[in-house]
Protein backbone atom coordinates (compact mmCIF):
# COMPACT_ATOMS: atom_id res chain seq x y z
CA MET A 1 -14.38 65.53 68.32
CA ALA A 2 -14.07 61.60 66.88
CA LYS A 3 -12.00 61.48 63.54
CA ILE A 4 -12.91 59.15 61.39
CA SER A 5 -10.00 57.17 59.03
CA ALA A 6 -10.24 55.02 55.62
CA THR A 7 -7.16 53.32 53.77
CA ILE A 8 -7.87 52.91 49.82
CA THR A 9 -5.44 50.35 48.16
CA LEU A 10 -5.09 50.99 44.28
CA THR A 11 -4.08 47.86 42.23
CA ALA A 12 -2.82 48.08 38.80
CA VAL A 13 -4.55 45.27 36.97
CA ARG A 14 -2.59 44.23 34.31
CA ASP A 15 -4.56 42.74 31.10
CA ILE A 16 -3.76 41.23 27.86
CA GLU A 17 -2.73 43.53 24.93
CA SER A 18 -1.91 41.18 22.71
CA VAL A 19 -0.65 37.89 21.49
CA THR A 20 1.47 36.98 18.51
CA TRP A 21 2.87 33.68 17.27
CA TYR A 22 6.79 33.88 16.10
CA TYR A 23 8.26 30.60 13.84
CA GLN A 24 11.67 29.32 13.47
CA LEU A 25 12.90 26.96 11.01
CA LYS A 26 16.10 25.07 12.27
CA ALA A 27 18.09 21.49 11.55
CA GLY A 28 17.69 19.12 14.32
CA THR A 29 14.75 18.39 17.15
CA VAL A 30 16.68 20.18 20.25
CA ALA A 31 14.42 23.37 20.65
CA PRO A 32 16.01 26.91 20.23
CA ALA A 33 15.95 29.07 23.46
CA LYS A 34 12.94 31.07 24.60
CA PRO A 35 13.23 34.73 23.71
CA THR A 36 13.84 37.47 25.85
CA ALA A 37 13.34 40.55 23.86
CA SER A 38 10.17 41.91 22.17
CA PRO A 39 10.05 41.54 19.57
CA PRO A 40 12.51 38.34 19.10
CA PRO A 41 15.75 38.72 16.90
CA SER A 42 15.92 36.67 13.44
CA PRO A 43 15.84 34.08 12.69
CA TRP A 44 11.73 34.12 14.90
CA GLN A 45 9.70 35.64 12.43
CA THR A 46 5.78 36.40 12.13
CA SER A 47 4.59 34.27 8.85
CA GLU A 48 4.05 31.02 9.47
CA PRO A 49 6.54 29.21 6.66
CA SER A 50 5.13 26.37 4.57
CA TYR A 51 6.59 23.13 3.97
CA THR A 52 8.77 22.98 0.89
CA GLU A 53 9.38 19.32 -0.77
CA GLY A 54 12.44 17.58 0.44
CA ASP A 55 13.08 19.89 3.70
CA THR A 56 14.42 18.24 6.25
CA LYS A 57 14.42 21.09 9.34
CA TYR A 58 11.67 20.99 12.05
CA LEU A 59 9.50 24.25 12.85
CA PHE A 60 9.25 25.45 16.18
CA VAL A 61 6.75 28.62 17.44
CA VAL A 62 6.66 30.13 20.58
CA GLU A 63 4.04 32.88 21.69
CA ARG A 64 4.43 36.03 22.95
CA THR A 65 2.11 37.93 25.14
CA ILE A 66 2.24 41.85 25.88
CA TYR A 67 0.18 43.37 29.12
CA THR A 68 -1.26 46.36 29.33
CA ASP A 69 1.06 47.55 31.87
CA GLY A 70 4.32 47.08 29.03
CA THR A 71 5.34 43.76 29.83
CA PHE A 72 5.40 40.71 27.73
CA GLU A 73 6.24 37.05 28.22
CA TYR A 74 6.88 33.76 25.74
CA THR A 75 5.90 30.44 26.06
CA SER A 76 8.51 27.60 25.31
CA PRO A 77 9.27 26.86 21.69
CA SER A 78 8.03 23.90 20.78
CA LEU A 79 7.47 21.62 17.25
CA SER A 80 4.67 22.96 15.22
CA ALA A 81 2.45 19.55 14.56
CA SER A 82 1.14 20.97 11.15
CA PHE A 83 4.67 21.84 9.83
CA GLU A 84 5.31 17.85 10.96
CA ALA A 85 1.99 16.17 9.50
CA ALA A 86 2.87 17.87 6.09
CA LYS A 87 6.50 16.48 6.09
CA LYS A 88 5.23 13.03 7.42
CA ALA A 89 2.52 13.06 4.40
CA TYR A 90 5.27 14.15 1.75
CA ASN A 91 7.82 11.81 3.15
CA GLU A 92 5.17 8.90 2.69
CA ALA A 93 4.19 10.19 -0.92
CA GLN A 94 7.78 10.09 -2.10
CA GLU A 95 7.68 6.17 -0.93
CA ALA A 96 4.78 5.40 -2.56
CA LYS A 97 5.77 6.90 -5.31
CA LYS A 98 9.12 4.88 -5.32
CA THR A 99 7.53 1.34 -4.24
CA ALA A 100 5.13 2.23 -7.77
CA THR A 101 8.45 3.01 -9.90
CA ASN A 102 10.19 0.34 -8.66
CA PHE A 103 7.34 -2.35 -8.87
CA MET A 104 4.43 -1.04 -11.60
CA SER A 105 3.56 -0.62 -14.99
CA ALA A 106 0.26 0.31 -17.09
CA ASP A 107 -0.33 0.79 -20.31
CA SER A 108 -3.37 0.10 -22.94
CA LEU A 109 -2.91 -3.71 -21.57
CA GLY A 110 -3.69 -3.24 -18.55
CA VAL A 111 -1.87 -2.89 -14.82
CA MET A 112 2.21 -4.69 -14.35
CA VAL A 113 3.92 -5.69 -11.23
CA ALA A 114 7.24 -6.41 -11.70
CA ASP A 115 10.96 -6.05 -10.21
CA MET A 116 12.03 -2.83 -11.85
CA ARG A 117 14.71 -2.09 -8.81
CA ASN A 118 17.20 -2.45 -12.04
CA GLY A 119 16.16 0.50 -13.20
CA SER A 120 14.45 -0.87 -16.08
CA SER A 121 11.91 0.75 -18.14
CA GLN A 122 9.18 -2.28 -18.53
CA THR A 123 5.46 -2.25 -19.28
CA PRO A 124 3.02 -4.43 -19.87
CA SER A 125 3.54 -4.19 -23.62
CA ASN A 126 7.40 -5.00 -23.58
CA PRO A 127 8.35 -6.62 -20.38
CA SER A 128 11.83 -7.96 -19.69
CA GLY A 129 11.04 -10.82 -16.97
CA ARG A 130 8.43 -12.01 -14.72
CA ASN A 131 5.17 -9.90 -13.99
CA VAL A 132 1.96 -10.70 -13.23
CA LEU A 133 -0.35 -8.90 -15.91
CA ILE A 134 -3.35 -6.96 -14.31
CA ASP A 135 -6.60 -6.21 -16.55
CA ASN A 136 -10.23 -5.81 -17.00
CA ASP A 137 -10.17 -9.80 -17.59
CA SER A 138 -7.76 -11.81 -15.73
CA VAL A 139 -4.74 -11.77 -13.49
CA ASP A 140 -1.98 -12.93 -15.91
CA ILE A 141 1.15 -15.01 -14.55
CA ARG A 142 3.82 -14.30 -17.28
CA LYS A 143 7.30 -14.91 -17.83
CA GLY A 144 7.71 -11.64 -20.60
CA SER A 145 5.19 -11.44 -22.39
CA ASP A 146 4.64 -15.91 -22.49
CA VAL A 147 1.67 -16.10 -20.40
CA LEU A 148 2.37 -19.13 -17.60
CA ALA A 149 -1.33 -19.00 -16.20
CA SER A 150 -4.03 -16.99 -16.23
CA PHE A 151 -6.92 -16.65 -13.45
CA GLY A 152 -10.22 -15.00 -14.20
CA GLU A 153 -13.57 -16.22 -15.07
CA ASN A 154 -11.59 -19.33 -16.39
CA ALA A 155 -8.50 -20.10 -15.60
CA VAL A 156 -5.52 -21.50 -17.39
CA ILE A 157 -2.37 -23.36 -15.87
CA GLY A 158 0.22 -23.68 -18.17
CA GLN A 159 1.09 -22.17 -22.25
CA ALA A 160 -1.89 -22.73 -24.27
CA GLU A 161 0.10 -24.09 -27.12
CA GLY A 162 1.84 -26.87 -25.08
CA TRP A 163 0.26 -28.99 -22.20
CA HIS A 164 -2.18 -26.86 -19.76
CA GLN A 165 -5.20 -27.30 -17.57
CA ARG A 166 -8.87 -24.70 -17.94
CA ILE A 167 -10.83 -24.47 -15.46
CA SER A 168 -14.37 -23.25 -14.86
CA SER A 169 -17.02 -23.13 -13.26
CA GLU A 170 -18.53 -26.28 -15.96
CA GLU A 171 -15.61 -28.34 -16.74
CA THR A 172 -12.09 -29.07 -16.24
CA VAL A 173 -9.65 -29.62 -19.67
CA PHE A 174 -7.24 -31.37 -19.73
CA ALA A 175 -4.90 -30.20 -23.30
CA TYR A 176 -2.01 -30.19 -25.44
CA GLY A 177 -2.92 -27.08 -27.29
CA GLU A 178 -6.35 -27.20 -29.15
CA LYS A 179 -5.97 -31.41 -28.96
CA ILE A 180 -8.10 -31.96 -25.54
CA TYR A 181 -6.80 -35.55 -23.58
CA THR A 182 -9.47 -35.68 -20.96
CA TYR A 183 -12.85 -33.45 -20.28
CA LEU A 184 -14.53 -33.43 -16.94
CA THR A 185 -17.76 -32.14 -16.13
CA PRO A 186 -20.16 -32.78 -13.24
CA GLY A 187 -21.54 -36.23 -13.62
CA LYS A 188 -18.86 -37.23 -16.80
CA ILE A 189 -15.11 -37.81 -17.43
CA LEU A 190 -14.20 -37.95 -21.53
CA SER A 191 -10.54 -39.11 -21.63
CA GLU A 192 -8.66 -40.75 -24.77
CA ASN A 193 -6.64 -42.63 -21.95
CA MET A 194 -7.60 -43.86 -18.60
CA GLU A 195 -5.29 -45.81 -15.96
CA VAL A 196 -6.83 -47.03 -12.69
CA ARG A 197 -4.84 -48.77 -9.80
CA GLY A 198 -7.43 -51.10 -7.94
CA SER A 199 -10.60 -51.36 -8.49
CA TYR A 200 -12.91 -49.25 -10.78
CA TYR A 201 -16.96 -48.90 -10.10
CA VAL A 202 -20.04 -48.96 -12.59
CA GLY A 203 -23.19 -49.07 -10.69
CA ASP A 204 -23.42 -52.32 -8.32
CA TYR A 205 -20.55 -53.63 -9.92
CA SER A 206 -16.16 -53.54 -9.85
CA ILE A 207 -14.05 -54.30 -12.08
CA ARG A 208 -9.82 -55.31 -11.18
CA VAL A 209 -6.84 -56.31 -12.54
CA ALA A 210 -6.00 -60.03 -10.79
CA GLY A 211 -2.58 -61.20 -9.84
CA ASP A 212 -2.64 -63.24 -12.71
CA GLY A 213 -3.58 -60.31 -15.48
CA LYS A 214 -7.13 -61.44 -15.60
CA LEU A 215 -9.90 -58.94 -15.64
CA VAL A 216 -12.61 -59.80 -12.84
CA ILE A 217 -15.78 -58.24 -12.62
CA GLY A 218 -17.65 -58.69 -9.01
CA ARG A 219 -20.83 -57.19 -7.36
CA ARG A 220 -19.70 -54.05 -5.59
CA LYS A 221 -19.23 -54.51 -1.79
């Protein structure tokens, strides 16, 4: 009589039962050792800490996987990208705040740019050094409150109460205070005094001063 036999192999299938993340804050960028116990001992924790202003520590994370056969394993600890991004954003904001505090001030007059690194509490209305004032109409270069030059729809170079030049799209004026000495518009020059070195041309004629001091009028070449 023939006998038939067969072999049946039973294999335990290992499946994932759970995955848990653990977090640890520490000084320095050297990663902590990979945990060997489940759960990992303190300072590993299951809640992800949020970034605190000024914190210089680094956040490391590991992933623990528990299998249905009761075994477990951890990934290698790695830096938290989101925590580092929050730290970088905070540091950049602090640098921007520092720059604004050291070089910018504002009040009802507008925004002022000045060197205030010495701790001086200058404002656009109460400046103590050279500064640039920006408002809705112009950009003014000042020494204290005195405007040395102003640039807007019209530009003024120099102080209005002294010698200055006013420039617009239609005219250029050289004046002292309110008194205008030279006035230029397209096609016209008005001046209290005019000095010409060389020849002066009027239409087809030239006017020049000869070596003997006589005025010579001739045809324009």
